[in-house]
Amino acid sequence: MSTLTTPVPAPSPAPVPGPAPTPTPAGMKAVLAGFCTGVAVITACGDDGRPAGMAVQSFSSVSLDPPLVCFCPARTSTTWPLIRAAGAFAVNVLAADQEELCRRFAVTGGDRFAGVAWRPGAGGAPLLDGALATVECVLEDVLDGGDHAIALGRVTVLAAHREGAPLLYFRRSYGRLAPVEPSTAARAASSASMSSSMAAARSRSEV
């Protein structure tokens, strides 16, 4: 008596993934626009006494000890050479009600400081009235960042000036913080926790 066997087909080879697409400037902008940031105006005062300033979303803390921050101006910026030559700058952290001020410092050309109230900081850089906070720095180093420079600043003076919500930038639009509504699960968990606490309190009162 013979035994019949059914041939088992060999498994198909796993598909070989193709090369990952090379990131493009347009793709970088599209994806990174989904990363929400605050907005700041970097200011400095030139040797001729004229103020210079530019709006940035790239401001970031770098180190607490020593106290270092950075921002990343485009190499095509006409304001960055003025700030670099000054050797010192101030970071003005903008509030949600300063969108128009931000737009003024984000456009090319014109006198950005016309009609803008400011006062000189300890290092001479303009401190904009109404900013949530200011961070005064000396330019510590400038690093290569491709089509941008990485400006590293050593903090000399910093101050918080008023309470308020920050101005935000997300998907090429300005915005502000809004309360986050709790999810259904979070509300249910909170309700269950409250009910448990009330039951425990009743139990203790009945002892």
C-alpha atoms as a PDB file:
ATOM      1  CA  MET A   1       0.000   0.000   0.000  1.00  0.00           C
ATOM      2  CA  SER A   2       1.399   3.321  -1.034  1.00  0.00           C
ATOM      3  CA  THR A   3       1.026   6.653   0.765  1.00  0.00           C
ATOM      4  CA  LEU A   4       0.023   9.692  -1.262  1.00  0.00           C
ATOM      5  CA  THR A   5       1.640  12.972  -0.300  1.00  0.00           C
ATOM      6  CA  THR A   6       0.629  16.436  -1.402  1.00  0.00           C
ATOM      7  CA  PRO A   7       3.581  18.562  -2.397  1.00  0.00           C
ATOM      8  CA  VAL A   8       3.926  21.717  -0.297  1.00  0.00           C
ATOM      9  CA  PRO A   9       4.784  24.752  -2.399  1.00  0.00           C
ATOM     10  CA  ALA A  10       7.920  26.586  -1.411  1.00  0.00           C
ATOM     11  CA  PRO A  11       7.241  29.890   0.346  1.00  0.00           C
ATOM     12  CA  SER A  12       7.469  32.955  -1.821  1.00  0.00           C
ATOM     13  CA  PRO A  13      10.489  35.091  -1.106  1.00  0.00           C
ATOM     14  CA  ALA A  14       9.754  38.198   0.915  1.00  0.00           C
ATOM     15  CA  PRO A  15       9.605  41.306  -1.227  1.00  0.00           C
ATOM     16  CA  VAL A  16      12.772  43.319  -1.137  1.00  0.00           C
ATOM     17  CA  PRO A  17      12.004  46.879  -0.070  1.00  0.00           C
ATOM     18  CA  GLY A  18      13.126  49.536  -2.464  1.00  0.00           C
ATOM     19  CA  PRO A  19      15.321  52.418  -1.445  1.00  0.00           C
ATOM     20  CA  ALA A  20      13.680  54.978   0.825  1.00  0.00           C
ATOM     21  CA  PRO A  21      12.810  58.204  -0.966  1.00  0.00           C
ATOM     22  CA  THR A  22      15.309  60.978  -0.450  1.00  0.00           C
ATOM     23  CA  PRO A  23      13.856  63.800   1.674  1.00  0.00           C
ATOM     24  CA  THR A  24      13.219  66.944  -0.349  1.00  0.00           C
ATOM     25  CA  PRO A  25      12.969  70.537   0.890  1.00  0.00           C
ATOM     26  CA  ALA A  26       9.253  70.537   0.061  1.00  0.00           C
ATOM     27  CA  GLY A  27       8.734  67.265   1.912  1.00  0.00           C
ATOM     28  CA  MET A  28      10.676  68.514   4.922  1.00  0.00           C
ATOM     29  CA  LYS A  29       8.545  71.655   5.077  1.00  0.00           C
ATOM     30  CA  ALA A  30       5.289  69.715   4.720  1.00  0.00           C
ATOM     31  CA  VAL A  31       6.092  67.230   7.484  1.00  0.00           C
ATOM     32  CA  LEU A  32       7.789  69.575   9.942  1.00  0.00           C
ATOM     33  CA  ALA A  33       4.953  72.089   9.605  1.00  0.00           C
ATOM     34  CA  GLY A  34       3.063  69.644  11.826  1.00  0.00           C
ATOM     35  CA  PHE A  35       5.430  70.381  14.713  1.00  0.00           C
ATOM     36  CA  CYS A  36       3.930  73.205  16.771  1.00  0.00           C
ATOM     37  CA  THR A  37       6.352  75.847  18.062  1.00  0.00           C
ATOM     38  CA  GLY A  38       6.349  79.105  19.904  1.00  0.00           C
ATOM     39  CA  VAL A  39       7.448  82.317  18.203  1.00  0.00           C
ATOM     40  CA  ALA A  40      10.181  84.752  19.182  1.00  0.00           C
ATOM     41  CA  VAL A  41      11.708  87.911  17.764  1.00  0.00           C
ATOM     42  CA  ILE A  42      15.503  88.043  17.795  1.00  0.00           C
ATOM     43  CA  THR A  43      16.768  91.614  18.148  1.00  0.00           C
ATOM     44  CA  ALA A  44      20.143  93.322  18.130  1.00  0.00           C
ATOM     45  CA  CYS A  45      21.570  96.815  17.879  1.00  0.00           C
ATOM     46  CA  GLY A  46      24.185  97.606  15.254  1.00  0.00           C
ATOM     47  CA  ASP A  47      27.287  99.753  15.618  1.00  0.00           C
ATOM     48  CA  ASP A  48      25.359 102.624  14.053  1.00  0.00           C
ATOM     49  CA  GLY A  49      22.728 102.390  16.798  1.00  0.00           C
ATOM     50  CA  ARG A  50      20.026 101.119  14.464  1.00  0.00           C
ATOM     51  CA  PRO A  51      17.968  98.176  15.752  1.00  0.00           C
ATOM     52  CA  ALA A  52      17.548  94.973  13.764  1.00  0.00           C
ATOM     53  CA  GLY A  53      15.112  92.147  14.330  1.00  0.00           C
ATOM     54  CA  MET A  54      13.649  88.997  12.833  1.00  0.00           C
ATOM     55  CA  ALA A  55      10.877  86.551  13.771  1.00  0.00           C
ATOM     56  CA  VAL A  56      11.914  82.920  14.290  1.00  0.00           C
ATOM     57  CA  GLN A  57      10.324  79.615  15.235  1.00  0.00           C
ATOM     58  CA  SER A  58      13.662  77.883  15.718  1.00  0.00           C
ATOM     59  CA  PHE A  59      14.505  79.301  19.158  1.00  0.00           C
ATOM     60  CA  SER A  60      15.403  76.575  21.639  1.00  0.00           C
ATOM     61  CA  SER A  61      17.063  75.990  24.979  1.00  0.00           C
ATOM     62  CA  VAL A  62      20.375  74.139  24.642  1.00  0.00           C
ATOM     63  CA  SER A  63      22.012  73.914  28.070  1.00  0.00           C
ATOM     64  CA  LEU A  64      21.309  74.964  31.649  1.00  0.00           C
ATOM     65  CA  ASP A  65      24.941  74.878  32.784  1.00  0.00           C
ATOM     66  CA  PRO A  66      26.407  76.790  31.091  1.00  0.00           C
ATOM     67  CA  PRO A  67      23.234  78.688  30.138  1.00  0.00           C
ATOM     68  CA  LEU A  68      22.965  78.365  26.356  1.00  0.00           C
ATOM     69  CA  VAL A  69      20.189  78.887  23.812  1.00  0.00           C
ATOM     70  CA  CYS A  70      20.110  78.811  20.030  1.00  0.00           C
ATOM     71  CA  PHE A  71      18.178  79.863  16.962  1.00  0.00           C
ATOM     72  CA  CYS A  72      18.671  78.976  13.307  1.00  0.00           C
ATOM     73  CA  PRO A  73      18.537  81.824  10.771  1.00  0.00           C
ATOM     74  CA  ALA A  74      18.457  81.086   7.053  1.00  0.00           C
ATOM     75  CA  ARG A  75      21.681  81.873   5.254  1.00  0.00           C
ATOM     76  CA  THR A  76      19.646  83.984   2.831  1.00  0.00           C
ATOM     77  CA  SER A  77      18.461  86.249   5.658  1.00  0.00           C
ATOM     78  CA  THR A  78      19.468  89.891   5.295  1.00  0.00           C
ATOM     79  CA  THR A  79      18.952  90.506   9.030  1.00  0.00           C
ATOM     80  CA  TRP A  80      21.157  87.708  10.322  1.00  0.00           C
ATOM     81  CA  PRO A  81      24.456  89.379   9.226  1.00  0.00           C
ATOM     82  CA  LEU A  82      23.479  92.472  11.252  1.00  0.00           C
ATOM     83  CA  ILE A  83      22.744  90.370  14.349  1.00  0.00           C
ATOM     84  CA  ARG A  84      25.955  88.400  13.907  1.00  0.00           C
ATOM     85  CA  ALA A  85      28.033  91.563  13.565  1.00  0.00           C
ATOM     86  CA  ALA A  86      26.495  92.974  16.758  1.00  0.00           C
ATOM     87  CA  GLY A  87      27.864  90.044  18.760  1.00  0.00           C
ATOM     88  CA  ALA A  88      24.920  90.160  21.174  1.00  0.00           C
ATOM     89  CA  PHE A  89      21.185  89.676  20.816  1.00  0.00           C
ATOM     90  CA  ALA A  90      17.934  89.387  22.722  1.00  0.00           C
ATOM     91  CA  VAL A  91      15.204  86.787  22.377  1.00  0.00           C
ATOM     92  CA  ASN A  92      11.714  88.259  22.805  1.00  0.00           C
ATOM     93  CA  VAL A  93       9.150  85.521  23.499  1.00  0.00           C
ATOM     94  CA  LEU A  94       5.860  86.679  21.995  1.00  0.00           C
ATOM     95  CA  ALA A  95       2.419  86.473  23.570  1.00  0.00           C
ATOM     96  CA  ALA A  96      -0.746  85.307  21.824  1.00  0.00           C
ATOM     97  CA  ASP A  97      -1.916  88.923  21.468  1.00  0.00           C
ATOM     98  CA  GLN A  98       1.248  89.909  19.548  1.00  0.00           C
ATOM     99  CA  GLU A  99       0.485  88.255  16.210  1.00  0.00           C
ATOM    100  CA  GLU A 100       0.564  91.544  14.304  1.00  0.00           C
ATOM    101  CA  LEU A 101       3.919  92.399  15.856  1.00  0.00           C
ATOM    102  CA  CYS A 102       5.231  89.020  14.763  1.00  0.00           C
ATOM    103  CA  ARG A 103       4.025  89.537  11.200  1.00  0.00           C
ATOM    104  CA  ARG A 104       5.877  92.851  11.098  1.00  0.00           C
ATOM    105  CA  PHE A 105       9.163  91.107  11.899  1.00  0.00           C
ATOM    106  CA  ALA A 106       8.471  88.192   9.541  1.00  0.00           C
ATOM    107  CA  VAL A 107       8.180  90.200   6.318  1.00  0.00           C
ATOM    108  CA  THR A 108      11.082  91.368   4.186  1.00  0.00           C
ATOM    109  CA  GLY A 109      11.805  95.052   3.771  1.00  0.00           C
ATOM    110  CA  GLY A 110      10.522  98.162   5.489  1.00  0.00           C
ATOM    111  CA  ASP A 111      11.298  99.559   8.917  1.00  0.00           C
ATOM    112  CA  ARG A 112      10.246  96.762  11.243  1.00  0.00           C
ATOM    113  CA  PHE A 113      10.674  98.937  14.331  1.00  0.00           C
ATOM    114  CA  ALA A 114       8.488 101.816  13.111  1.00  0.00           C
ATOM    115  CA  GLY A 115       5.864 102.436  15.791  1.00  0.00           C
ATOM    116  CA  VAL A 116       7.128  99.552  17.945  1.00  0.00           C
ATOM    117  CA  ALA A 117       7.752 100.309  21.621  1.00  0.00           C
ATOM    118  CA  TRP A 118      11.015  98.934  22.953  1.00  0.00           C
ATOM    119  CA  ARG A 119      13.782  99.665  25.412  1.00  0.00           C
ATOM    120  CA  PRO A 120      17.477  98.758  25.321  1.00  0.00           C
ATOM    121  CA  GLY A 121      18.515  95.757  27.370  1.00  0.00           C
ATOM    122  CA  ALA A 122      21.635  95.427  29.481  1.00  0.00           C
ATOM    123  CA  GLY A 123      23.634  94.472  26.396  1.00  0.00           C
ATOM    124  CA  GLY A 124      22.018  97.076  24.167  1.00  0.00           C
ATOM    125  CA  ALA A 125      19.686  94.747  22.243  1.00  0.00           C
ATOM    126  CA  PRO A 126      16.060  95.944  21.957  1.00  0.00           C
ATOM    127  CA  LEU A 127      13.560  94.443  24.403  1.00  0.00           C
ATOM    128  CA  LEU A 128      10.060  94.616  22.925  1.00  0.00           C
ATOM    129  CA  ASP A 129       7.254  95.908  25.118  1.00  0.00           C
ATOM    130  CA  GLY A 130       4.612  93.287  25.851  1.00  0.00           C
ATOM    131  CA  ALA A 131       6.846  90.243  25.391  1.00  0.00           C
ATOM    132  CA  LEU A 132       6.156  87.379  27.783  1.00  0.00           C
ATOM    133  CA  ALA A 133       9.863  87.013  28.477  1.00  0.00           C
ATOM    134  CA  THR A 134      13.217  88.229  27.232  1.00  0.00           C
ATOM    135  CA  VAL A 135      16.535  86.397  27.106  1.00  0.00           C
ATOM    136  CA  GLU A 136      19.660  88.487  26.520  1.00  0.00           C
ATOM    137  CA  CYS A 137      22.718  86.735  25.114  1.00  0.00           C
ATOM    138  CA  VAL A 138      26.196  87.180  23.761  1.00  0.00           C
ATOM    139  CA  LEU A 139      26.887  85.274  20.571  1.00  0.00           C
ATOM    140  CA  GLU A 140      28.905  82.256  21.706  1.00  0.00           C
ATOM    141  CA  ASP A 141      29.386  80.442  18.405  1.00  0.00           C
ATOM    142  CA  VAL A 142      27.956  79.981  14.925  1.00  0.00           C
ATOM    143  CA  LEU A 143      27.760  76.419  13.611  1.00  0.00           C
ATOM    144  CA  ASP A 144      27.106  75.079  10.135  1.00  0.00           C
ATOM    145  CA  GLY A 145      23.521  73.943   9.690  1.00  0.00           C
ATOM    146  CA  GLY A 146      23.299  73.433   5.941  1.00  0.00           C
ATOM    147  CA  ASP A 147      21.156  76.145   4.392  1.00  0.00           C
ATOM    148  CA  HIS A 148      20.776  77.630   7.891  1.00  0.00           C
ATOM    149  CA  ALA A 149      23.256  78.776  10.500  1.00  0.00           C
ATOM    150  CA  ILE A 150      23.011  77.586  14.103  1.00  0.00           C
ATOM    151  CA  ALA A 151      23.535  80.620  16.314  1.00  0.00           C
ATOM    152  CA  LEU A 152      24.536  79.648  19.838  1.00  0.00           C
ATOM    153  CA  GLY A 153      24.020  82.278  22.525  1.00  0.00           C
ATOM    154  CA  ARG A 154      25.301  82.399  26.090  1.00  0.00           C
ATOM    155  CA  VAL A 155      22.574  83.812  28.336  1.00  0.00           C
ATOM    156  CA  THR A 156      23.584  86.889  30.339  1.00  0.00           C
ATOM    157  CA  VAL A 157      20.211  88.227  31.525  1.00  0.00           C
ATOM    158  CA  LEU A 158      16.728  86.721  31.397  1.00  0.00           C
ATOM    159  CA  ALA A 159      13.375  87.803  32.769  1.00  0.00           C
ATOM    160  CA  ALA A 160       9.690  86.877  32.681  1.00  0.00           C
ATOM    161  CA  HIS A 161       7.636  90.051  32.262  1.00  0.00           C
ATOM    162  CA  ARG A 162       3.970  89.061  32.394  1.00  0.00           C
ATOM    163  CA  GLU A 163       1.550  86.182  32.582  1.00  0.00           C
ATOM    164  CA  GLY A 164      -0.192  85.140  29.406  1.00  0.00           C
ATOM    165  CA  ALA A 165      -0.542  82.541  26.682  1.00  0.00           C
ATOM    166  CA  PRO A 166       2.226  82.262  24.081  1.00  0.00           C
ATOM    167  CA  LEU A 167       1.864  82.877  20.371  1.00  0.00           C
ATOM    168  CA  LEU A 168       2.057  79.549  18.512  1.00  0.00           C
ATOM    169  CA  TYR A 169       2.857  78.578  14.932  1.00  0.00           C
ATOM    170  CA  PHE A 170       1.418  75.390  13.420  1.00  0.00           C
ATOM    171  CA  ARG A 171       0.968  74.348   9.782  1.00  0.00           C
ATOM    172  CA  ARG A 172       1.963  77.799   8.554  1.00  0.00           C
ATOM    173  CA  SER A 173      -0.669  79.542  10.675  1.00  0.00           C
ATOM    174  CA  TYR A 174      -0.593  81.406  13.976  1.00  0.00           C
ATOM    175  CA  GLY A 175      -2.625  80.139  16.906  1.00  0.00           C
ATOM    176  CA  ARG A 176      -2.965  80.073  20.653  1.00  0.00           C
ATOM    177  CA  LEU A 177      -3.476  77.551  23.425  1.00  0.00           C
ATOM    178  CA  ALA A 178      -6.969  76.207  24.066  1.00  0.00           C
ATOM    179  CA  PRO A 179      -8.244  73.975  26.893  1.00  0.00           C
ATOM    180  CA  VAL A 180      -8.151  70.283  26.003  1.00  0.00           C
ATOM    181  CA  GLU A 181     -11.498  68.571  26.520  1.00  0.00           C
ATOM    182  CA  PRO A 182     -11.057  65.332  28.495  1.00  0.00           C
ATOM    183  CA  SER A 183     -11.775  62.153  26.563  1.00  0.00           C
ATOM    184  CA  THR A 184     -14.759  59.927  27.377  1.00  0.00           C
ATOM    185  CA  ALA A 185     -12.422  57.400  29.019  1.00  0.00           C
ATOM    186  CA  ALA A 186     -10.796  60.109  31.144  1.00  0.00           C
ATOM    187  CA  ARG A 187     -14.183  61.443  32.254  1.00  0.00           C
ATOM    188  CA  ALA A 188     -15.331  57.914  33.142  1.00  0.00           C
ATOM    189  CA  ALA A 189     -12.148  57.250  35.132  1.00  0.00           C
ATOM    190  CA  SER A 190     -12.523  60.550  36.973  1.00  0.00           C
ATOM    191  CA  SER A 191     -16.165  59.786  37.775  1.00  0.00           C
ATOM    192  CA  ALA A 192     -15.289  56.282  39.011  1.00  0.00           C
ATOM    193  CA  SER A 193     -12.508  57.671  41.198  1.00  0.00           C
ATOM    194  CA  MET A 194     -14.868  60.245  42.698  1.00  0.00           C
ATOM    195  CA  SER A 195     -17.530  57.598  43.367  1.00  0.00           C
ATOM    196  CA  SER A 196     -14.942  55.367  45.056  1.00  0.00           C
ATOM    197  CA  SER A 197     -13.759  58.238  47.249  1.00  0.00           C
ATOM    198  CA  MET A 198     -17.329  59.087  48.271  1.00  0.00           C
ATOM    199  CA  ALA A 199     -18.064  55.434  49.092  1.00  0.00           C
ATOM    200  CA  ALA A 200     -14.928  55.205  51.219  1.00  0.00           C
ATOM    201  CA  ALA A 201     -15.899  58.391  53.060  1.00  0.00           C
ATOM    202  CA  ARG A 202     -19.388  57.022  53.797  1.00  0.00           C
ATOM    203  CA  SER A 203     -17.879  53.755  55.033  1.00  0.00           C
ATOM    204  CA  ARG A 204     -15.603  55.579  57.464  1.00  0.00           C
ATOM    205  CA  SER A 205     -18.476  57.711  58.753  1.00  0.00           C
ATOM    206  CA  GLU A 206     -20.548  54.589  59.491  1.00  0.00           C
ATOM    207  CA  VAL A 207     -17.871  52.922  61.655  1.00  0.00           C
END
